[in-house]
Amino acid sequence: MDTALIETSVRSIISKLGLPVDGIEVSEAAGSTIFTIRTIESGKLIGKNGETLSALNHIVKKMLEKEVPRDFHFVIDVNGYHHKKIKSLEDQAKLVAERARTFRYDVELPPMNAYERMIIHATLKDATDIQTMSHGEGPLRHIVVRYIDPTIPQSPASLD
């Protein structure tokens, strides 16, 4: 895939917003191409809880859906925010799992988007004494982390 088309589209949108771009770095991670925008105006591009950055990703993907193959996955990042967010979610998942183990009760996480929930599920998937479940609908969808006592045999019905 020619990454120049995506990079040009990103630069065009940002210039229309009147924001400076120091550069765009292209890298590969976990089967996705990452376009990392370097700018001193990162707060304006990231927005509250990454909402502006999420919208920018959505807009660029919609703009290019006819030119970019469906199997080409890319993410637009700003000054490493995406990487830091993933690390933060992984740390949060481990902390909550430890809390569920220690106190042996279900721990509910705040509502998250699908991508954030996927990070939590993936982080805890190999824990034999922890189960993650998504609950709720729409913007209220969240994860519940449950401790499963490994000394007690579990039937599939008891996990619900």
C-alpha atoms as a PDB file:
ATOM      1  CA  MET A   1       0.000   0.000   0.000  1.00  0.00           C
ATOM      2  CA  ASP A   2       1.247   3.442  -0.883  1.00  0.00           C
ATOM      3  CA  THR A   3       1.236   5.362   2.381  1.00  0.00           C
ATOM      4  CA  ALA A   4       1.727   8.690   0.597  1.00  0.00           C
ATOM      5  CA  LEU A   5      -2.023   9.005  -0.112  1.00  0.00           C
ATOM      6  CA  ILE A   6      -2.897   8.671   3.572  1.00  0.00           C
ATOM      7  CA  GLU A   7      -0.110  11.015   4.644  1.00  0.00           C
ATOM      8  CA  THR A   8      -1.225  13.629   2.095  1.00  0.00           C
ATOM      9  CA  SER A   9      -4.841  13.379   3.285  1.00  0.00           C
ATOM     10  CA  VAL A  10      -3.803  13.791   6.927  1.00  0.00           C
ATOM     11  CA  ARG A  11      -1.648  16.825   6.103  1.00  0.00           C
ATOM     12  CA  SER A  12      -4.512  18.356   4.107  1.00  0.00           C
ATOM     13  CA  ILE A  13      -7.034  18.028   6.941  1.00  0.00           C
ATOM     14  CA  ILE A  14      -4.627  19.390   9.535  1.00  0.00           C
ATOM     15  CA  SER A  15      -3.652  22.350   7.365  1.00  0.00           C
ATOM     16  CA  LYS A  16      -7.349  23.185   6.891  1.00  0.00           C
ATOM     17  CA  LEU A  17      -7.609  23.253  10.679  1.00  0.00           C
ATOM     18  CA  GLY A  18      -4.772  25.771  10.710  1.00  0.00           C
ATOM     19  CA  LEU A  19      -2.529  23.609  12.875  1.00  0.00           C
ATOM     20  CA  PRO A  20       1.219  23.205  12.340  1.00  0.00           C
ATOM     21  CA  VAL A  21       2.731  19.793  11.547  1.00  0.00           C
ATOM     22  CA  ASP A  22       6.405  19.224  12.301  1.00  0.00           C
ATOM     23  CA  GLY A  23       6.355  15.864  10.537  1.00  0.00           C
ATOM     24  CA  ILE A  24       4.570  12.567  10.047  1.00  0.00           C
ATOM     25  CA  GLU A  25       6.408   9.348  10.855  1.00  0.00           C
ATOM     26  CA  VAL A  26       5.214   6.059   9.376  1.00  0.00           C
ATOM     27  CA  SER A  27       5.826   2.799  11.254  1.00  0.00           C
ATOM     28  CA  GLU A  28       4.426  -0.716  11.545  1.00  0.00           C
ATOM     29  CA  ALA A  29       3.029  -2.284  14.721  1.00  0.00           C
ATOM     30  CA  ALA A  30       0.803  -5.314  15.318  1.00  0.00           C
ATOM     31  CA  GLY A  31      -0.308  -5.577  11.696  1.00  0.00           C
ATOM     32  CA  SER A  32      -1.214  -1.896  11.387  1.00  0.00           C
ATOM     33  CA  THR A  33       0.534   1.044   9.810  1.00  0.00           C
ATOM     34  CA  ILE A  34       0.892   3.891  12.303  1.00  0.00           C
ATOM     35  CA  PHE A  35       1.002   7.492  11.065  1.00  0.00           C
ATOM     36  CA  THR A  36       2.415   9.512  13.955  1.00  0.00           C
ATOM     37  CA  ILE A  37       1.870  13.248  13.600  1.00  0.00           C
ATOM     38  CA  ARG A  38       4.491  15.381  15.337  1.00  0.00           C
ATOM     39  CA  THR A  39       3.132  18.778  16.356  1.00  0.00           C
ATOM     40  CA  ILE A  40       3.319  21.327  19.144  1.00  0.00           C
ATOM     41  CA  GLU A  41      -0.498  21.598  18.987  1.00  0.00           C
ATOM     42  CA  SER A  42      -1.078  17.998  20.095  1.00  0.00           C
ATOM     43  CA  GLY A  43      -3.855  18.881  22.561  1.00  0.00           C
ATOM     44  CA  LYS A  44      -6.035  20.287  19.808  1.00  0.00           C
ATOM     45  CA  LEU A  45      -5.606  17.160  17.664  1.00  0.00           C
ATOM     46  CA  ILE A  46      -6.040  14.681  20.515  1.00  0.00           C
ATOM     47  CA  GLY A  47      -8.977  16.336  22.287  1.00  0.00           C
ATOM     48  CA  LYS A  48     -10.612  15.248  25.528  1.00  0.00           C
ATOM     49  CA  ASN A  49      -9.946  11.534  26.129  1.00  0.00           C
ATOM     50  CA  GLY A  50      -8.701  11.222  22.544  1.00  0.00           C
ATOM     51  CA  GLU A  51     -12.102  12.026  21.024  1.00  0.00           C
ATOM     52  CA  THR A  52     -10.745  14.457  18.412  1.00  0.00           C
ATOM     53  CA  LEU A  53      -8.041  11.986  17.406  1.00  0.00           C
ATOM     54  CA  SER A  54     -10.653   9.246  17.112  1.00  0.00           C
ATOM     55  CA  ALA A  55     -12.767  11.520  14.894  1.00  0.00           C
ATOM     56  CA  LEU A  56      -9.717  12.328  12.740  1.00  0.00           C
ATOM     57  CA  ASN A  57      -9.081   8.602  12.260  1.00  0.00           C
ATOM     58  CA  HIS A  58     -12.724   8.063  11.306  1.00  0.00           C
ATOM     59  CA  ILE A  59     -12.770  10.961   8.825  1.00  0.00           C
ATOM     60  CA  VAL A  60      -9.574   9.891   7.068  1.00  0.00           C
ATOM     61  CA  LYS A  61     -10.756   6.277   6.830  1.00  0.00           C
ATOM     62  CA  LYS A  62     -14.121   7.369   5.387  1.00  0.00           C
ATOM     63  CA  MET A  63     -12.417   9.718   2.911  1.00  0.00           C
ATOM     64  CA  LEU A  64     -10.149   6.955   1.649  1.00  0.00           C
ATOM     65  CA  GLU A  65     -12.351   3.873   1.898  1.00  0.00           C
ATOM     66  CA  LYS A  66     -12.590   3.551  -1.888  1.00  0.00           C
ATOM     67  CA  GLU A  67      -8.832   4.013  -2.471  1.00  0.00           C
ATOM     68  CA  VAL A  68      -7.467   1.968   0.433  1.00  0.00           C
ATOM     69  CA  PRO A  69      -7.918  -1.833   0.475  1.00  0.00           C
ATOM     70  CA  ARG A  70     -10.185  -3.117   3.263  1.00  0.00           C
ATOM     71  CA  ASP A  71      -7.418  -5.328   4.640  1.00  0.00           C
ATOM     72  CA  PHE A  72      -5.042  -2.367   5.053  1.00  0.00           C
ATOM     73  CA  HIS A  73      -5.232  -1.276   8.676  1.00  0.00           C
ATOM     74  CA  PHE A  74      -3.872   2.078   9.719  1.00  0.00           C
ATOM     75  CA  VAL A  75      -4.007   4.328  12.754  1.00  0.00           C
ATOM     76  CA  ILE A  76      -3.340   8.039  13.011  1.00  0.00           C
ATOM     77  CA  ASP A  77      -1.485   8.969  16.174  1.00  0.00           C
ATOM     78  CA  VAL A  78      -0.346  12.301  17.619  1.00  0.00           C
ATOM     79  CA  ASN A  79       2.975  12.544  19.470  1.00  0.00           C
ATOM     80  CA  GLY A  80       2.731   8.929  20.666  1.00  0.00           C
ATOM     81  CA  TYR A  81      -0.682   9.369  22.354  1.00  0.00           C
ATOM     82  CA  HIS A  82      -1.993   6.094  20.875  1.00  0.00           C
ATOM     83  CA  HIS A  83       0.953   4.090  22.236  1.00  0.00           C
ATOM     84  CA  LYS A  84       0.652   5.728  25.675  1.00  0.00           C
ATOM     85  CA  LYS A  85      -3.105   5.041  25.725  1.00  0.00           C
ATOM     86  CA  ILE A  86      -2.564   1.341  24.977  1.00  0.00           C
ATOM     87  CA  LYS A  87       0.059   1.102  27.729  1.00  0.00           C
ATOM     88  CA  SER A  88      -2.294   2.880  30.149  1.00  0.00           C
ATOM     89  CA  LEU A  89      -5.158   0.482  29.324  1.00  0.00           C
ATOM     90  CA  GLU A  90      -2.894  -2.554  29.751  1.00  0.00           C
ATOM     91  CA  ASP A  91      -1.728  -1.244  33.133  1.00  0.00           C
ATOM     92  CA  GLN A  92      -5.334  -0.545  34.156  1.00  0.00           C
ATOM     93  CA  ALA A  93      -6.374  -4.081  33.130  1.00  0.00           C
ATOM     94  CA  LYS A  94      -3.599  -5.648  35.213  1.00  0.00           C
ATOM     95  CA  LEU A  95      -4.409  -3.472  38.220  1.00  0.00           C
ATOM     96  CA  VAL A  96      -8.124  -4.277  38.069  1.00  0.00           C
ATOM     97  CA  ALA A  97      -7.395  -8.003  37.643  1.00  0.00           C
ATOM     98  CA  GLU A  98      -5.206  -7.896  40.735  1.00  0.00           C
ATOM     99  CA  ARG A  99      -7.987  -6.119  42.640  1.00  0.00           C
ATOM    100  CA  ALA A 100     -10.479  -8.808  41.545  1.00  0.00           C
ATOM    101  CA  ARG A 101      -8.051 -11.533  42.696  1.00  0.00           C
ATOM    102  CA  THR A 102      -7.310  -9.882  46.028  1.00  0.00           C
ATOM    103  CA  PHE A 103     -10.855  -9.019  47.026  1.00  0.00           C
ATOM    104  CA  ARG A 104     -12.563 -11.814  45.026  1.00  0.00           C
ATOM    105  CA  TYR A 105     -15.343  -9.685  43.619  1.00  0.00           C
ATOM    106  CA  ASP A 106     -16.321  -8.387  40.196  1.00  0.00           C
ATOM    107  CA  VAL A 107     -14.752  -5.089  39.189  1.00  0.00           C
ATOM    108  CA  GLU A 108     -16.560  -2.869  36.685  1.00  0.00           C
ATOM    109  CA  LEU A 109     -14.557  -0.582  34.435  1.00  0.00           C
ATOM    110  CA  PRO A 110     -15.973   2.687  33.114  1.00  0.00           C
ATOM    111  CA  PRO A 111     -17.587   2.738  29.654  1.00  0.00           C
ATOM    112  CA  MET A 112     -15.094   2.349  26.816  1.00  0.00           C
ATOM    113  CA  ASN A 113     -15.153   2.260  23.046  1.00  0.00           C
ATOM    114  CA  ALA A 114     -14.758  -1.063  21.221  1.00  0.00           C
ATOM    115  CA  TYR A 115     -11.030  -0.632  20.625  1.00  0.00           C
ATOM    116  CA  GLU A 116     -10.317   0.101  24.303  1.00  0.00           C
ATOM    117  CA  ARG A 117     -12.412  -2.901  25.383  1.00  0.00           C
ATOM    118  CA  MET A 118     -10.479  -5.092  22.952  1.00  0.00           C
ATOM    119  CA  ILE A 119      -7.181  -3.998  24.570  1.00  0.00           C
ATOM    120  CA  ILE A 120      -8.513  -4.923  28.042  1.00  0.00           C
ATOM    121  CA  HIS A 121      -9.819  -8.325  26.858  1.00  0.00           C
ATOM    122  CA  ALA A 122      -6.540  -9.085  25.031  1.00  0.00           C
ATOM    123  CA  THR A 123      -4.414  -8.096  28.022  1.00  0.00           C
ATOM    124  CA  LEU A 124      -6.254 -10.454  30.373  1.00  0.00           C
ATOM    125  CA  LYS A 125      -7.067 -13.306  27.981  1.00  0.00           C
ATOM    126  CA  ASP A 126      -4.313 -15.625  29.277  1.00  0.00           C
ATOM    127  CA  ALA A 127      -5.168 -15.212  32.964  1.00  0.00           C
ATOM    128  CA  THR A 128      -6.678 -18.532  34.052  1.00  0.00           C
ATOM    129  CA  ASP A 129      -8.281 -17.050  37.162  1.00  0.00           C
ATOM    130  CA  ILE A 130      -9.788 -13.971  35.491  1.00  0.00           C
ATOM    131  CA  GLN A 131     -12.710 -13.626  33.106  1.00  0.00           C
ATOM    132  CA  THR A 132     -13.631 -10.456  31.220  1.00  0.00           C
ATOM    133  CA  MET A 133     -17.120  -9.719  29.942  1.00  0.00           C
ATOM    134  CA  SER A 134     -18.564  -6.749  28.091  1.00  0.00           C
ATOM    135  CA  HIS A 135     -21.889  -5.449  29.420  1.00  0.00           C
ATOM    136  CA  GLY A 136     -24.258  -2.676  28.412  1.00  0.00           C
ATOM    137  CA  GLU A 137     -25.000  -1.102  25.070  1.00  0.00           C
ATOM    138  CA  GLY A 138     -23.811   1.841  23.024  1.00  0.00           C
ATOM    139  CA  PRO A 139     -21.792   4.479  24.845  1.00  0.00           C
ATOM    140  CA  LEU A 140     -22.486   2.752  28.190  1.00  0.00           C
ATOM    141  CA  ARG A 141     -20.814  -0.531  27.146  1.00  0.00           C
ATOM    142  CA  HIS A 142     -18.178  -1.469  29.692  1.00  0.00           C
ATOM    143  CA  ILE A 143     -16.120  -4.420  30.923  1.00  0.00           C
ATOM    144  CA  VAL A 144     -16.608  -6.453  34.074  1.00  0.00           C
ATOM    145  CA  VAL A 145     -13.517  -8.269  35.351  1.00  0.00           C
ATOM    146  CA  ARG A 146     -14.397 -11.384  37.359  1.00  0.00           C
ATOM    147  CA  TYR A 147     -12.207 -13.544  39.577  1.00  0.00           C
ATOM    148  CA  ILE A 148     -12.637 -17.274  38.928  1.00  0.00           C
ATOM    149  CA  ASP A 149     -11.338 -19.501  41.737  1.00  0.00           C
ATOM    150  CA  PRO A 150      -9.110 -22.057  39.954  1.00  0.00           C
ATOM    151  CA  THR A 151      -9.660 -24.640  42.724  1.00  0.00           C
ATOM    152  CA  ILE A 152     -13.402 -24.790  42.051  1.00  0.00           C
ATOM    153  CA  PRO A 153     -14.457 -26.590  38.848  1.00  0.00           C
ATOM    154  CA  GLN A 154     -16.427 -24.213  36.640  1.00  0.00           C
ATOM    155  CA  SER A 155     -19.292 -25.229  34.413  1.00  0.00           C
ATOM    156  CA  PRO A 156     -20.039 -22.995  31.401  1.00  0.00           C
ATOM    157  CA  ALA A 157     -23.372 -21.966  32.989  1.00  0.00           C
ATOM    158  CA  SER A 158     -21.685 -20.774  36.197  1.00  0.00           C
ATOM    159  CA  LEU A 159     -19.566 -18.261  34.274  1.00  0.00           C
ATOM    160  CA  ASP A 160     -22.581 -16.159  33.269  1.00  0.00           C
END
